Amino acid sequence: MAKEIPILPDDRFPVPPPLPVAVKREEVVAEAKPAQQRQTLSYLRGLLADYGLEPKHKLGQNFLVDLNLLDLTCRAAELSSNDAILEVGTGTGSLTSLMAQTAGCVFSVEIDAGIQNVAKQIIGPRGNVRLYLADALARKNELNPDMLAAYDEHAKKHHCTVLKLVANLPYVIATPLISNLLIYGPVVERMVVMVQWEIAERMQAVPGTKDFNALSVLVQSLADITVVRKVAPTNFFPKPKVDSAIVMIRPNAVKRAKIGDVPRFRAFLRDLYVHRRKNLRAALSGWPSGAKDKVEVDAKLAALGFDGTQRSEALSIEEHLRLANAFAE
């Protein structure tokens, strides 16, 4: 049976204090929208109808309409004036607007020009917010370099030194975005993101369970993971067919140092789990980049104390690291 994922109570994340009315920061040039204009389901339906827009399933557009979950996301992020927030998936700007009240600056990326126009109207003229129209990924295994350069420029402009990813991530890019940010940077202090429940289960899965795979090993080798809250489909418009989760991922420098060459480790995991039902001997000798001598594979496994009939998903994180050191190319 899969290990039950602990879900933390709200009081783990104290509400950050609002900006005093008298405080005038250069970056904050517009007041927050009144609470009654925050995006409830009826408000969001009307808003999109006014613009002649409908959510695009292929872009993973499921807009969060539960106000308490927006607040919880911000509390888990522990926003401060030192924070430069990277948000991927601006949507209609509800989370963007909320974060801009407390964070030093927000850099929000959206791929859909129509939806971004809606967000511009909702967010209004805020000096500490930059809306960026682009795909966050250059390709599956690469973040958009122009996006990263613009994010860095925005952070420096507002003298923000703490980088955080806080977003209701489009489901279609959640895994590659999290993986690439962990591997290639920039180094963020934390990620607080909405993902599919299935992805949350995989990231925290333990060896020997059905959810344990290459993503489990990669994320747990580089970071500490906490599921903040499981989220039902009824909290979104339109309703997705699956549950979701707010997940906090905190990169761990000590863990990272044990790996050494992180891209090399990622490539090793990808190849090791191509045929996850194979045992170690079969998987390592039938390597995707070229077959290995079975006698040599057997000798290395024996020297490391591995049973060649084991499957990779039965190994601990430390055992994956030892195996990669011996076999990664």
Foldseek 3Di string as FASTA:
>chain_A
DWDDADADDLVVFDQDDFDDPPDDDPQFDDDADPPVCQAAPVNVVVLCVVLVHDDDVVQLDWAFHDPVVLRSLCSVVVAALQEEEEEEACFQPNSVQVNLRGHVAYEYEDQDPSRVVNNCVNNDDGNRYDYHHDDQAPDLQGGDPVSVVVSVVSSVVSNHDAYEYGYAHRAVNVQSVVLNCLQPHPAHQKYWYKYFVLLLSLCCTFFPDPSDALNVLLQVLFWDKHFHDKAAQVRIVPRDPGIMTTMMTGTDPVSVVLQPNSVLLSVVRVQLVPPQPAFQLVSLQPTPVHGDDSVVSVVVCVVVVHDRRHTPSNDGSVVSSVVCVVRGD
